[in-house]
């Protein structure tokens, strides 16, 4: 007979093991996705991340 405490412990151990393995491999395998846009003959550059986040904005001081 399986007791609830044993089942909870088994599930926790499984999730912990999966979390360790997935976190390491996902960080190594997942490429960084960026979008780059330029305007005014390259004098303005914007780099974006997924979800519409702006990573950087560069404006030529000239």
Protein backbone atom coordinates (compact mmCIF):
# COMPACT_ATOMS: atom_id res chain seq x y z
CA UNK A 1 0.00 0.00 0.00
CA UNK A 2 1.30 3.45 -0.91
CA UNK A 3 0.94 6.16 1.69
CA UNK A 4 0.29 9.80 0.73
CA UNK A 5 3.52 10.95 2.39
CA UNK A 6 5.53 8.46 0.31
CA UNK A 7 3.82 9.61 -2.87
CA UNK A 8 4.46 13.27 -2.04
CA UNK A 9 8.12 12.53 -1.39
CA UNK A 10 8.44 10.60 -4.67
CA UNK A 11 6.82 13.40 -6.65
CA UNK A 12 9.02 16.01 -4.98
CA UNK A 13 12.16 14.00 -5.75
CA UNK A 14 11.07 13.53 -9.36
CA UNK A 15 10.35 17.24 -9.85
CA UNK A 16 13.65 18.15 -8.23
CA UNK A 17 15.56 15.80 -10.51
CA UNK A 18 13.76 17.03 -13.62
CA UNK A 19 14.32 20.64 -12.62
CA UNK A 20 18.06 20.14 -12.25
CA UNK A 21 18.42 18.33 -15.57
CA UNK A 22 16.14 20.62 -17.57
CA UNK A 23 17.51 23.86 -16.18
CA UNK A 24 21.07 23.04 -17.18
CA UNK A 25 20.29 21.73 -20.65
CA UNK A 26 17.67 24.36 -21.44
CA UNK A 27 20.04 27.21 -20.62
CA UNK A 28 22.68 25.73 -22.89
CA UNK A 29 20.35 24.78 -25.75
CA UNK A 30 18.06 27.83 -25.88
CA UNK A 31 19.41 30.48 -28.23
CA UNK A 32 18.92 34.14 -27.43
CA UNK A 33 16.37 35.55 -29.87
CA UNK A 34 16.76 39.22 -30.75
CA UNK A 35 15.35 41.59 -33.31
CA UNK A 36 17.48 44.45 -34.64
CA UNK A 37 16.11 47.46 -36.45
CA UNK A 38 18.03 50.36 -37.99
CA UNK A 39 16.94 53.72 -39.33
CA UNK A 40 18.44 56.96 -40.65
CA UNK A 41 21.19 55.17 -42.57
CA UNK A 42 22.29 53.19 -39.49
CA UNK A 43 22.39 56.18 -37.17
CA UNK A 44 19.61 54.72 -34.96
CA UNK A 45 19.60 51.08 -33.85
CA UNK A 46 17.14 49.26 -31.57
CA UNK A 47 17.58 45.71 -30.26
CA UNK A 48 14.46 43.91 -29.00
CA UNK A 49 13.77 40.67 -27.15
CA UNK A 50 10.77 38.34 -27.32
CA UNK A 51 7.59 39.85 -25.96
CA UNK A 52 8.41 43.32 -27.29
CA UNK A 53 10.99 44.15 -24.63
CA UNK A 54 13.63 46.65 -25.71
CA UNK A 55 17.14 45.52 -24.88
CA UNK A 56 18.99 48.58 -26.15
CA UNK A 57 18.65 51.77 -28.16
CA UNK A 58 21.68 53.34 -29.81
CA UNK A 59 21.69 56.78 -31.45
CA UNK A 60 24.77 58.03 -33.28
CA UNK A 61 25.89 61.21 -31.51
CA UNK A 62 26.71 62.79 -34.86
